[in-house]
């Protein structure tokens, strides 16, 4: 569904991604893991049009996204749920959700979209008239994901959904991702928890310093070997043994 060919991207004159090749199959959940600074968020921002492509190409269903601006991506069936939630704090929960349906094709089914969001996240239904700025971190993450789904995307890019959340809330969010995958959604998930990512993923990419070090079906990944690869370069730089994964 989505193919990335020798992608180079970064910020100004600083290149973060170096000739990255990735493929994301339709109807699958692909996890991208790696340490801080690996280029994971930069990758999602480039795919979604927030950062320019310096080299290579990104193709969705065979068509290049090189000249597609970020605000047109939902019209192509792709939505980014960014790191840090980024909800509209001075708007209510329901107003935030409605903002996700600004794409003309989605406006006709706002009522259905709201019902679906409240079914997926009952806590949002209870707080529908509440200002988003008063939500807990977990509720705000649910709102950000629910808002993204209002555009009825075929492809979801989700950046670090469990960051800073209590384990019980993270479990709720990953259960939602499982449900979306069963519906046939194509999901690209950047996630800090390797164990949680492997539990829901069909395929896994490990990134390090802007490059892909591993591409493997999730079912065949050995967690201990993955952690050894994940931490090896950081440990070498620090001159210390690899930390024990949580």
C-alpha atoms as a PDB file:
ATOM      1  CA  UNK A   1       0.000   0.000   0.000  1.00  0.00           C
ATOM      2  CA  UNK A   2       2.768   2.427   1.004  1.00  0.00           C
ATOM      3  CA  UNK A   3       6.297   2.149  -0.341  1.00  0.00           C
ATOM      4  CA  UNK A   4       9.307   4.252   0.626  1.00  0.00           C
ATOM      5  CA  UNK A   5      12.258   4.242  -1.746  1.00  0.00           C
ATOM      6  CA  UNK A   6      15.734   5.503  -0.761  1.00  0.00           C
ATOM      7  CA  UNK A   7      14.216   8.271   1.330  1.00  0.00           C
ATOM      8  CA  UNK A   8      16.348  11.130   2.606  1.00  0.00           C
ATOM      9  CA  UNK A   9      14.806  13.747   4.871  1.00  0.00           C
ATOM     10  CA  UNK A  10      15.593  15.957   7.832  1.00  0.00           C
ATOM     11  CA  UNK A  11      15.477  19.489   9.151  1.00  0.00           C
ATOM     12  CA  UNK A  12      17.023  22.294   7.117  1.00  0.00           C
ATOM     13  CA  UNK A  13      20.572  21.275   6.239  1.00  0.00           C
ATOM     14  CA  UNK A  14      20.580  18.374   8.702  1.00  0.00           C
ATOM     15  CA  UNK A  15      19.806  14.973   7.198  1.00  0.00           C
ATOM     16  CA  UNK A  16      18.172  12.507   9.608  1.00  0.00           C
ATOM     17  CA  UNK A  17      16.992   9.717   7.275  1.00  0.00           C
ATOM     18  CA  UNK A  18      19.590   8.129   5.002  1.00  0.00           C
ATOM     19  CA  UNK A  19      18.319   6.191   1.957  1.00  0.00           C
ATOM     20  CA  UNK A  20      15.535   4.459   3.892  1.00  0.00           C
ATOM     21  CA  UNK A  21      13.590   1.683   2.134  1.00  0.00           C
ATOM     22  CA  UNK A  22      10.335   0.489   3.718  1.00  0.00           C
ATOM     23  CA  UNK A  23       7.133  -1.238   2.630  1.00  0.00           C
ATOM     24  CA  UNK A  24       3.822  -1.239   4.475  1.00  0.00           C
ATOM     25  CA  UNK A  25       1.319  -3.870   3.367  1.00  0.00           C
ATOM     26  CA  UNK A  26      -2.396  -3.119   3.208  1.00  0.00           C
ATOM     27  CA  UNK A  27      -4.421  -4.388   6.165  1.00  0.00           C
ATOM     28  CA  UNK A  28      -1.362  -4.964   8.348  1.00  0.00           C
ATOM     29  CA  UNK A  29       0.075  -3.261  11.402  1.00  0.00           C
ATOM     30  CA  UNK A  30       3.741  -2.437  10.935  1.00  0.00           C
ATOM     31  CA  UNK A  31       5.758  -1.385  13.986  1.00  0.00           C
ATOM     32  CA  UNK A  32       8.787   0.882  13.777  1.00  0.00           C
ATOM     33  CA  UNK A  33      10.979   0.735  16.848  1.00  0.00           C
ATOM     34  CA  UNK A  34      14.336   2.144  17.814  1.00  0.00           C
ATOM     35  CA  UNK A  35      16.084   4.358  20.375  1.00  0.00           C
ATOM     36  CA  UNK A  36      15.653   8.108  20.684  1.00  0.00           C
ATOM     37  CA  UNK A  37      17.194   9.880  17.702  1.00  0.00           C
ATOM     38  CA  UNK A  38      16.712   6.935  15.359  1.00  0.00           C
ATOM     39  CA  UNK A  39      14.562   9.002  12.987  1.00  0.00           C
ATOM     40  CA  UNK A  40      11.186   7.412  13.681  1.00  0.00           C
ATOM     41  CA  UNK A  41       9.212  10.618  14.211  1.00  0.00           C
ATOM     42  CA  UNK A  42      11.061  12.275  11.329  1.00  0.00           C
ATOM     43  CA  UNK A  43       9.934   9.377   9.139  1.00  0.00           C
ATOM     44  CA  UNK A  44       6.252   9.815  10.047  1.00  0.00           C
ATOM     45  CA  UNK A  45       6.444  13.572   9.592  1.00  0.00           C
ATOM     46  CA  UNK A  46       7.955  13.112   6.145  1.00  0.00           C
ATOM     47  CA  UNK A  47       5.383  10.516   5.093  1.00  0.00           C
ATOM     48  CA  UNK A  48       2.573  12.849   6.207  1.00  0.00           C
ATOM     49  CA  UNK A  49       3.996  15.849   4.346  1.00  0.00           C
ATOM     50  CA  UNK A  50       5.100  17.891   7.368  1.00  0.00           C
ATOM     51  CA  UNK A  51       8.734  17.646   6.254  1.00  0.00           C
ATOM     52  CA  UNK A  52       9.999  17.876   2.662  1.00  0.00           C
ATOM     53  CA  UNK A  53      11.534  14.932   0.850  1.00  0.00           C
ATOM     54  CA  UNK A  54      15.225  15.612   0.237  1.00  0.00           C
ATOM     55  CA  UNK A  55      15.767  12.512  -1.846  1.00  0.00           C
ATOM     56  CA  UNK A  56      14.017   9.326  -2.908  1.00  0.00           C
ATOM     57  CA  UNK A  57      10.250   8.953  -2.978  1.00  0.00           C
ATOM     58  CA  UNK A  58       7.146   7.954  -1.012  1.00  0.00           C
ATOM     59  CA  UNK A  59       4.435   6.180  -3.004  1.00  0.00           C
ATOM     60  CA  UNK A  60       0.890   5.492  -1.818  1.00  0.00           C
ATOM     61  CA  UNK A  61      -0.932   2.935  -3.976  1.00  0.00           C
ATOM     62  CA  UNK A  62       1.717   3.517  -6.621  1.00  0.00           C
ATOM     63  CA  UNK A  63       1.350   7.309  -6.716  1.00  0.00           C
ATOM     64  CA  UNK A  64       4.087   9.640  -5.487  1.00  0.00           C
ATOM     65  CA  UNK A  65       3.374  11.856  -2.474  1.00  0.00           C
ATOM     66  CA  UNK A  66       6.350  14.127  -3.178  1.00  0.00           C
ATOM     67  CA  UNK A  67       4.237  17.181  -4.052  1.00  0.00           C
ATOM     68  CA  UNK A  68       1.236  16.487  -1.824  1.00  0.00           C
ATOM     69  CA  UNK A  69       0.950  19.003   1.068  1.00  0.00           C
ATOM     70  CA  UNK A  70       0.188  17.823   4.594  1.00  0.00           C
ATOM     71  CA  UNK A  71      -3.330  19.273   4.581  1.00  0.00           C
ATOM     72  CA  UNK A  72      -4.253  17.143   1.559  1.00  0.00           C
ATOM     73  CA  UNK A  73      -3.105  13.830   3.040  1.00  0.00           C
ATOM     74  CA  UNK A  74      -6.457  12.968   4.706  1.00  0.00           C
ATOM     75  CA  UNK A  75      -8.064  13.322   1.284  1.00  0.00           C
ATOM     76  CA  UNK A  76      -5.691  10.596   0.107  1.00  0.00           C
ATOM     77  CA  UNK A  77      -6.826   8.347   2.963  1.00  0.00           C
ATOM     78  CA  UNK A  78      -3.877   8.925   5.318  1.00  0.00           C
ATOM     79  CA  UNK A  79      -3.919  10.471   8.816  1.00  0.00           C
ATOM     80  CA  UNK A  80      -1.147  11.139  11.335  1.00  0.00           C
ATOM     81  CA  UNK A  81      -1.855  10.795  15.066  1.00  0.00           C
ATOM     82  CA  UNK A  82       1.127  12.754  16.388  1.00  0.00           C
ATOM     83  CA  UNK A  83       3.342  12.219  19.390  1.00  0.00           C
ATOM     84  CA  UNK A  84       2.285  14.193  22.460  1.00  0.00           C
ATOM     85  CA  UNK A  85      -1.480  14.034  21.731  1.00  0.00           C
ATOM     86  CA  UNK A  86      -1.720  17.708  20.529  1.00  0.00           C
ATOM     87  CA  UNK A  87      -5.430  18.105  21.139  1.00  0.00           C
ATOM     88  CA  UNK A  88      -7.173  21.496  20.957  1.00  0.00           C
ATOM     89  CA  UNK A  89      -7.213  22.219  24.682  1.00  0.00           C
ATOM     90  CA  UNK A  90      -9.749  25.060  24.626  1.00  0.00           C
ATOM     91  CA  UNK A  91     -12.289  23.037  22.651  1.00  0.00           C
ATOM     92  CA  UNK A  92     -14.547  20.329  23.977  1.00  0.00           C
ATOM     93  CA  UNK A  93     -13.980  16.646  23.361  1.00  0.00           C
ATOM     94  CA  UNK A  94     -16.739  16.568  20.761  1.00  0.00           C
ATOM     95  CA  UNK A  95     -15.460  19.691  19.017  1.00  0.00           C
ATOM     96  CA  UNK A  96     -12.032  18.066  18.785  1.00  0.00           C
ATOM     97  CA  UNK A  97     -13.568  14.977  17.227  1.00  0.00           C
ATOM     98  CA  UNK A  98     -15.509  17.040  14.698  1.00  0.00           C
ATOM     99  CA  UNK A  99     -12.270  18.744  13.659  1.00  0.00           C
ATOM    100  CA  UNK A 100     -11.063  15.359  12.436  1.00  0.00           C
ATOM    101  CA  UNK A 101     -13.859  15.250   9.869  1.00  0.00           C
ATOM    102  CA  UNK A 102     -12.891  18.390   7.956  1.00  0.00           C
ATOM    103  CA  UNK A 103     -12.214  16.340   4.804  1.00  0.00           C
ATOM    104  CA  UNK A 104     -15.248  16.865   2.516  1.00  0.00           C
ATOM    105  CA  UNK A 105     -15.737  13.120   2.044  1.00  0.00           C
ATOM    106  CA  UNK A 106     -15.978  12.626   5.827  1.00  0.00           C
ATOM    107  CA  UNK A 107     -18.456  15.410   6.594  1.00  0.00           C
ATOM    108  CA  UNK A 108     -21.480  13.375   5.571  1.00  0.00           C
ATOM    109  CA  UNK A 109     -20.844  10.744   8.225  1.00  0.00           C
ATOM    110  CA  UNK A 110     -19.891  12.880  11.243  1.00  0.00           C
ATOM    111  CA  UNK A 111     -22.698  11.408  13.340  1.00  0.00           C
ATOM    112  CA  UNK A 112     -21.559   7.862  12.559  1.00  0.00           C
ATOM    113  CA  UNK A 113     -17.963   8.838  13.260  1.00  0.00           C
ATOM    114  CA  UNK A 114     -18.856  10.270  16.653  1.00  0.00           C
ATOM    115  CA  UNK A 115     -20.814   7.163  17.570  1.00  0.00           C
ATOM    116  CA  UNK A 116     -17.876   4.985  16.584  1.00  0.00           C
ATOM    117  CA  UNK A 117     -15.388   7.080  18.594  1.00  0.00           C
ATOM    118  CA  UNK A 118     -17.619   6.922  21.672  1.00  0.00           C
ATOM    119  CA  UNK A 119     -18.033   3.163  21.234  1.00  0.00           C
ATOM    120  CA  UNK A 120     -14.253   2.642  20.982  1.00  0.00           C
ATOM    121  CA  UNK A 121     -13.583   5.015  23.888  1.00  0.00           C
ATOM    122  CA  UNK A 122     -16.537   5.165  26.326  1.00  0.00           C
ATOM    123  CA  UNK A 123     -14.616   7.632  28.510  1.00  0.00           C
ATOM    124  CA  UNK A 124     -14.815  10.182  25.703  1.00  0.00           C
ATOM    125  CA  UNK A 125     -18.593   9.822  25.610  1.00  0.00           C
ATOM    126  CA  UNK A 126     -18.713  10.619  29.319  1.00  0.00           C
ATOM    127  CA  UNK A 127     -16.583  13.746  28.742  1.00  0.00           C
ATOM    128  CA  UNK A 128     -17.983  14.876  25.398  1.00  0.00           C
ATOM    129  CA  UNK A 129     -18.841  18.389  26.714  1.00  0.00           C
ATOM    130  CA  UNK A 130     -15.641  18.701  28.734  1.00  0.00           C
ATOM    131  CA  UNK A 131     -12.699  20.852  27.582  1.00  0.00           C
ATOM    132  CA  UNK A 132      -9.921  18.717  26.133  1.00  0.00           C
ATOM    133  CA  UNK A 133      -7.347  20.550  28.246  1.00  0.00           C
ATOM    134  CA  UNK A 134      -8.851  19.019  31.384  1.00  0.00           C
ATOM    135  CA  UNK A 135      -8.406  15.403  30.226  1.00  0.00           C
ATOM    136  CA  UNK A 136      -5.863  13.004  31.645  1.00  0.00           C
ATOM    137  CA  UNK A 137      -2.953  11.931  29.449  1.00  0.00           C
ATOM    138  CA  UNK A 138      -4.635   8.653  28.571  1.00  0.00           C
ATOM    139  CA  UNK A 139      -7.941  10.321  27.739  1.00  0.00           C
ATOM    140  CA  UNK A 140      -6.157  12.889  25.577  1.00  0.00           C
ATOM    141  CA  UNK A 141      -4.445  10.065  23.663  1.00  0.00           C
ATOM    142  CA  UNK A 142      -7.810   8.390  23.117  1.00  0.00           C
ATOM    143  CA  UNK A 143      -9.147  11.718  21.838  1.00  0.00           C
ATOM    144  CA  UNK A 144      -6.225  12.160  19.443  1.00  0.00           C
ATOM    145  CA  UNK A 145      -6.771   8.678  18.025  1.00  0.00           C
ATOM    146  CA  UNK A 146     -10.539   9.142  17.860  1.00  0.00           C
ATOM    147  CA  UNK A 147     -10.072  12.458  16.044  1.00  0.00           C
ATOM    148  CA  UNK A 148      -7.817  10.779  13.492  1.00  0.00           C
ATOM    149  CA  UNK A 149     -10.412   8.103  12.828  1.00  0.00           C
ATOM    150  CA  UNK A 150     -13.073  10.740  12.080  1.00  0.00           C
ATOM    151  CA  UNK A 151     -11.549  11.198   8.606  1.00  0.00           C
ATOM    152  CA  UNK A 152     -12.170   7.485   7.935  1.00  0.00           C
ATOM    153  CA  UNK A 153      -8.537   6.909   6.893  1.00  0.00           C
ATOM    154  CA  UNK A 154      -7.328   3.777   5.171  1.00  0.00           C
ATOM    155  CA  UNK A 155      -3.832   4.346   6.540  1.00  0.00           C
ATOM    156  CA  UNK A 156      -3.098   5.450  10.113  1.00  0.00           C
ATOM    157  CA  UNK A 157       0.321   6.749  11.192  1.00  0.00           C
ATOM    158  CA  UNK A 158       0.515   6.649  14.996  1.00  0.00           C
ATOM    159  CA  UNK A 159       3.488   8.116  16.856  1.00  0.00           C
ATOM    160  CA  UNK A 160       4.337   6.856  20.374  1.00  0.00           C
ATOM    161  CA  UNK A 161       0.771   6.336  21.681  1.00  0.00           C
ATOM    162  CA  UNK A 162       1.850   4.813  25.005  1.00  0.00           C
ATOM    163  CA  UNK A 163       4.441   7.466  25.891  1.00  0.00           C
ATOM    164  CA  UNK A 164       3.982   8.590  29.487  1.00  0.00           C
ATOM    165  CA  UNK A 165       0.849   6.529  30.078  1.00  0.00           C
ATOM    166  CA  UNK A 166       0.060   4.085  32.871  1.00  0.00           C
ATOM    167  CA  UNK A 167       0.260   0.406  31.836  1.00  0.00           C
ATOM    168  CA  UNK A 168      -3.486  -0.161  32.190  1.00  0.00           C
ATOM    169  CA  UNK A 169      -4.233   2.741  29.814  1.00  0.00           C
ATOM    170  CA  UNK A 170      -1.614   1.496  27.355  1.00  0.00           C
ATOM    171  CA  UNK A 171      -3.332  -1.890  27.340  1.00  0.00           C
ATOM    172  CA  UNK A 172      -6.639  -0.220  26.450  1.00  0.00           C
ATOM    173  CA  UNK A 173      -5.021   1.633  23.554  1.00  0.00           C
ATOM    174  CA  UNK A 174      -3.330  -1.476  22.182  1.00  0.00           C
ATOM    175  CA  UNK A 175      -6.614  -3.371  22.408  1.00  0.00           C
ATOM    176  CA  UNK A 176      -8.099  -0.615  20.251  1.00  0.00           C
ATOM    177  CA  UNK A 177      -5.264  -1.015  17.723  1.00  0.00           C
ATOM    178  CA  UNK A 178      -5.969  -4.739  17.585  1.00  0.00           C
ATOM    179  CA  UNK A 179      -9.636  -3.992  16.851  1.00  0.00           C
ATOM    180  CA  UNK A 180      -8.732  -1.512  14.104  1.00  0.00           C
ATOM    181  CA  UNK A 181      -6.412  -4.052  12.524  1.00  0.00           C
ATOM    182  CA  UNK A 182      -9.209  -6.634  12.505  1.00  0.00           C
ATOM    183  CA  UNK A 183     -11.323  -4.076  10.640  1.00  0.00           C
ATOM    184  CA  UNK A 184      -8.698  -4.012   7.903  1.00  0.00           C
ATOM    185  CA  UNK A 185      -7.027  -0.701   8.723  1.00  0.00           C
ATOM    186  CA  UNK A 186      -3.423  -0.314   7.625  1.00  0.00           C
ATOM    187  CA  UNK A 187      -1.437   0.989  10.597  1.00  0.00           C
ATOM    188  CA  UNK A 188       2.133   2.258  10.900  1.00  0.00           C
ATOM    189  CA  UNK A 189       2.999   2.365  14.591  1.00  0.00           C
ATOM    190  CA  UNK A 190       6.037   4.057  16.116  1.00  0.00           C
ATOM    191  CA  UNK A 191       6.309   2.684  19.630  1.00  0.00           C
ATOM    192  CA  UNK A 192       8.802   2.791  22.506  1.00  0.00           C
ATOM    193  CA  UNK A 193       7.673  -0.486  24.071  1.00  0.00           C
ATOM    194  CA  UNK A 194       9.133  -3.293  21.961  1.00  0.00           C
ATOM    195  CA  UNK A 195       7.144  -5.947  23.792  1.00  0.00           C
ATOM    196  CA  UNK A 196       3.813  -4.201  23.218  1.00  0.00           C
ATOM    197  CA  UNK A 197       4.676  -3.453  19.593  1.00  0.00           C
ATOM    198  CA  UNK A 198       5.574  -7.065  18.824  1.00  0.00           C
ATOM    199  CA  UNK A 199       2.328  -8.269  20.416  1.00  0.00           C
ATOM    200  CA  UNK A 200       0.170  -6.401  17.878  1.00  0.00           C
ATOM    201  CA  UNK A 201       2.438  -6.089  14.826  1.00  0.00           C
ATOM    202  CA  UNK A 202       2.542  -8.144  11.652  1.00  0.00           C
ATOM    203  CA  UNK A 203       5.941  -6.771  10.631  1.00  0.00           C
ATOM    204  CA  UNK A 204       8.700  -4.947  12.504  1.00  0.00           C
ATOM    205  CA  UNK A 205      11.374  -2.494  11.405  1.00  0.00           C
ATOM    206  CA  UNK A 206      14.214  -1.494  13.727  1.00  0.00           C
ATOM    207  CA  UNK A 207      15.785   1.897  13.020  1.00  0.00           C
ATOM    208  CA  UNK A 208      19.068   3.254  14.284  1.00  0.00           C
ATOM    209  CA  UNK A 209      20.693   6.585  13.335  1.00  0.00           C
ATOM    210  CA  UNK A 210      18.368   7.182  10.408  1.00  0.00           C
ATOM    211  CA  UNK A 211      18.803   3.762   8.836  1.00  0.00           C
ATOM    212  CA  UNK A 212      16.917   0.454   8.915  1.00  0.00           C
ATOM    213  CA  UNK A 213      18.852  -2.261  10.747  1.00  0.00           C
ATOM    214  CA  UNK A 214      16.194  -4.971  10.787  1.00  0.00           C
ATOM    215  CA  UNK A 215      13.105  -5.893   8.774  1.00  0.00           C
ATOM    216  CA  UNK A 216      11.333  -9.032   9.948  1.00  0.00           C
ATOM    217  CA  UNK A 217       7.866 -10.549  10.446  1.00  0.00           C
ATOM    218  CA  UNK A 218       6.867  -9.933  14.055  1.00  0.00           C
ATOM    219  CA  UNK A 219       6.107 -13.593  14.673  1.00  0.00           C
ATOM    220  CA  UNK A 220       9.721 -14.564  13.960  1.00  0.00           C
ATOM    221  CA  UNK A 221      11.412 -11.847  16.032  1.00  0.00           C
ATOM    222  CA  UNK A 222      13.315 -13.015  19.109  1.00  0.00           C
ATOM    223  CA  UNK A 223      12.846 -10.331  21.733  1.00  0.00           C
ATOM    224  CA  UNK A 224      16.251 -10.815  23.391  1.00  0.00           C
ATOM    225  CA  UNK A 225      18.100 -10.624  20.064  1.00  0.00           C
ATOM    226  CA  UNK A 226      16.055  -7.573  19.121  1.00  0.00           C
ATOM    227  CA  UNK A 227      17.001  -5.815  22.348  1.00  0.00           C
ATOM    228  CA  UNK A 228      20.671  -6.675  21.813  1.00  0.00           C
ATOM    229  CA  UNK A 229      20.526  -4.995  18.417  1.00  0.00           C
ATOM    230  CA  UNK A 230      18.398  -2.124  19.747  1.00  0.00           C
ATOM    231  CA  UNK A 231      20.864  -1.194  22.473  1.00  0.00           C
ATOM    232  CA  UNK A 232      24.209  -2.193  20.951  1.00  0.00           C
ATOM    233  CA  UNK A 233      25.201   1.089  19.360  1.00  0.00           C
ATOM    234  CA  UNK A 234      24.082   3.202  22.319  1.00  0.00           C
ATOM    235  CA  UNK A 235      26.077   0.975  24.653  1.00  0.00           C
ATOM    236  CA  UNK A 236      29.177   1.207  22.442  1.00  0.00           C
ATOM    237  CA  UNK A 237      28.995   4.997  22.442  1.00  0.00           C
ATOM    238  CA  UNK A 238      28.558   5.147  26.209  1.00  0.00           C
ATOM    239  CA  UNK A 239      31.215   2.546  26.856  1.00  0.00           C
ATOM    240  CA  UNK A 240      28.852   0.703  29.146  1.00  0.00           C
ATOM    241  CA  UNK A 241      27.013  -2.606  29.014  1.00  0.00           C
ATOM    242  CA  UNK A 242      23.566  -2.700  27.378  1.00  0.00           C
ATOM    243  CA  UNK A 243      20.783  -1.812  29.825  1.00  0.00           C
ATOM    244  CA  UNK A 244      18.232  -4.416  30.688  1.00  0.00           C
ATOM    245  CA  UNK A 245      14.987  -3.918  28.699  1.00  0.00           C
ATOM    246  CA  UNK A 246      11.891  -3.192  30.732  1.00  0.00           C
END
